[in-house]
C-alpha atoms as a PDB file:
ATOM      1  CA  UNK A   1     -49.560 -58.838 -36.706  1.00  0.00           C
ATOM      2  CA  UNK A   2     -47.209 -58.340 -39.657  1.00  0.00           C
ATOM      3  CA  UNK A   3     -43.588 -59.514 -39.415  1.00  0.00           C
ATOM      4  CA  UNK A   4     -40.889 -56.836 -39.647  1.00  0.00           C
ATOM      5  CA  UNK A   5     -37.502 -57.132 -41.363  1.00  0.00           C
ATOM      6  CA  UNK A   6     -35.324 -60.057 -40.353  1.00  0.00           C
ATOM      7  CA  UNK A   7     -32.358 -59.214 -38.108  1.00  0.00           C
ATOM      8  CA  UNK A   8     -28.861 -59.877 -39.489  1.00  0.00           C
ATOM      9  CA  UNK A   9     -25.320 -59.632 -38.156  1.00  0.00           C
ATOM     10  CA  UNK A  10     -23.369 -56.987 -40.085  1.00  0.00           C
ATOM     11  CA  UNK A  11     -20.364 -59.308 -40.488  1.00  0.00           C
ATOM     12  CA  UNK A  12     -22.576 -61.868 -42.223  1.00  0.00           C
ATOM     13  CA  UNK A  13     -23.848 -59.450 -44.903  1.00  0.00           C
ATOM     14  CA  UNK A  14     -20.590 -58.982 -46.863  1.00  0.00           C
ATOM     15  CA  UNK A  15     -17.597 -61.317 -47.243  1.00  0.00           C
ATOM     16  CA  UNK A  16     -13.896 -60.873 -47.999  1.00  0.00           C
ATOM     17  CA  UNK A  17     -12.571 -61.774 -51.463  1.00  0.00           C
ATOM     18  CA  UNK A  18      -8.894 -62.218 -52.341  1.00  0.00           C
ATOM     19  CA  UNK A  19      -7.359 -59.006 -53.689  1.00  0.00           C
ATOM     20  CA  UNK A  20     -10.656 -57.127 -53.778  1.00  0.00           C
ATOM     21  CA  UNK A  21     -12.940 -54.669 -52.064  1.00  0.00           C
ATOM     22  CA  UNK A  22     -16.483 -56.000 -51.770  1.00  0.00           C
ATOM     23  CA  UNK A  23     -19.376 -53.596 -51.183  1.00  0.00           C
ATOM     24  CA  UNK A  24     -23.070 -54.048 -50.527  1.00  0.00           C
ATOM     25  CA  UNK A  25     -25.661 -51.280 -50.196  1.00  0.00           C
ATOM     26  CA  UNK A  26     -28.038 -52.199 -47.382  1.00  0.00           C
ATOM     27  CA  UNK A  27     -30.015 -48.931 -47.281  1.00  0.00           C
ATOM     28  CA  UNK A  28     -30.565 -46.455 -50.111  1.00  0.00           C
ATOM     29  CA  UNK A  29     -32.343 -43.140 -49.487  1.00  0.00           C
ATOM     30  CA  UNK A  30     -32.379 -39.684 -51.099  1.00  0.00           C
ATOM     31  CA  UNK A  31     -30.563 -38.440 -47.986  1.00  0.00           C
ATOM     32  CA  UNK A  32     -27.716 -40.994 -48.342  1.00  0.00           C
ATOM     33  CA  UNK A  33     -26.817 -44.670 -48.368  1.00  0.00           C
ATOM     34  CA  UNK A  34     -25.541 -47.220 -45.895  1.00  0.00           C
ATOM     35  CA  UNK A  35     -22.910 -49.355 -47.597  1.00  0.00           C
ATOM     36  CA  UNK A  36     -20.964 -52.232 -46.100  1.00  0.00           C
ATOM     37  CA  UNK A  37     -17.404 -52.870 -47.291  1.00  0.00           C
ATOM     38  CA  UNK A  38     -15.064 -55.831 -46.860  1.00  0.00           C
ATOM     39  CA  UNK A  39     -11.438 -54.984 -47.632  1.00  0.00           C
ATOM     40  CA  UNK A  40      -8.801 -57.631 -48.223  1.00  0.00           C
ATOM     41  CA  UNK A  41      -5.540 -56.697 -46.433  1.00  0.00           C
ATOM     42  CA  UNK A  42      -3.729 -53.908 -48.290  1.00  0.00           C
ATOM     43  CA  UNK A  43      -6.771 -52.755 -50.293  1.00  0.00           C
ATOM     44  CA  UNK A  44      -7.977 -49.144 -50.217  1.00  0.00           C
ATOM     45  CA  UNK A  45     -10.656 -46.897 -51.656  1.00  0.00           C
ATOM     46  CA  UNK A  46      -9.524 -44.093 -53.931  1.00  0.00           C
ATOM     47  CA  UNK A  47      -9.858 -40.566 -52.577  1.00  0.00           C
ATOM     48  CA  UNK A  48     -13.346 -39.227 -53.206  1.00  0.00           C
ATOM     49  CA  UNK A  49     -15.924 -36.722 -52.012  1.00  0.00           C
ATOM     50  CA  UNK A  50     -19.576 -37.167 -51.141  1.00  0.00           C
ATOM     51  CA  UNK A  51     -22.408 -34.738 -50.395  1.00  0.00           C
ATOM     52  CA  UNK A  52     -23.319 -36.766 -47.290  1.00  0.00           C
ATOM     53  CA  UNK A  53     -21.748 -37.214 -43.875  1.00  0.00           C
ATOM     54  CA  UNK A  54     -19.688 -40.361 -43.487  1.00  0.00           C
ATOM     55  CA  UNK A  55     -19.717 -42.929 -40.706  1.00  0.00           C
ATOM     56  CA  UNK A  56     -17.108 -45.662 -40.379  1.00  0.00           C
ATOM     57  CA  UNK A  57     -17.390 -48.635 -38.060  1.00  0.00           C
ATOM     58  CA  UNK A  58     -14.623 -51.231 -38.181  1.00  0.00           C
ATOM     59  CA  UNK A  59     -15.983 -54.610 -37.062  1.00  0.00           C
ATOM     60  CA  UNK A  60     -12.962 -56.786 -37.894  1.00  0.00           C
ATOM     61  CA  UNK A  61      -9.285 -55.908 -38.218  1.00  0.00           C
ATOM     62  CA  UNK A  62      -8.009 -52.345 -38.298  1.00  0.00           C
ATOM     63  CA  UNK A  63      -7.977 -49.426 -40.728  1.00  0.00           C
ATOM     64  CA  UNK A  64      -6.274 -46.122 -41.337  1.00  0.00           C
ATOM     65  CA  UNK A  65      -8.772 -43.507 -42.434  1.00  0.00           C
ATOM     66  CA  UNK A  66      -7.636 -40.255 -44.052  1.00  0.00           C
ATOM     67  CA  UNK A  67      -9.926 -37.224 -44.192  1.00  0.00           C
ATOM     68  CA  UNK A  68      -8.846 -34.041 -45.989  1.00  0.00           C
ATOM     69  CA  UNK A  69      -5.314 -35.423 -46.231  1.00  0.00           C
ATOM     70  CA  UNK A  70      -5.025 -36.078 -42.472  1.00  0.00           C
ATOM     71  CA  UNK A  71      -4.872 -39.631 -41.071  1.00  0.00           C
END
């Protein structure tokens, strides 16, 4: 029997860095990507659009998310 992919904890796949936003793509498909982000306090992504649906899961801390100008 062939071994499948190794299980990982999401919080262990990307780490905080002082004054930065760290990102790591963990799945890349024609239909969209799954990207993990680690935000240092006070950091933010610039406003942008994407042709795919978005999913946000906060696993540590808290975030304010704005969509179409509405928090």
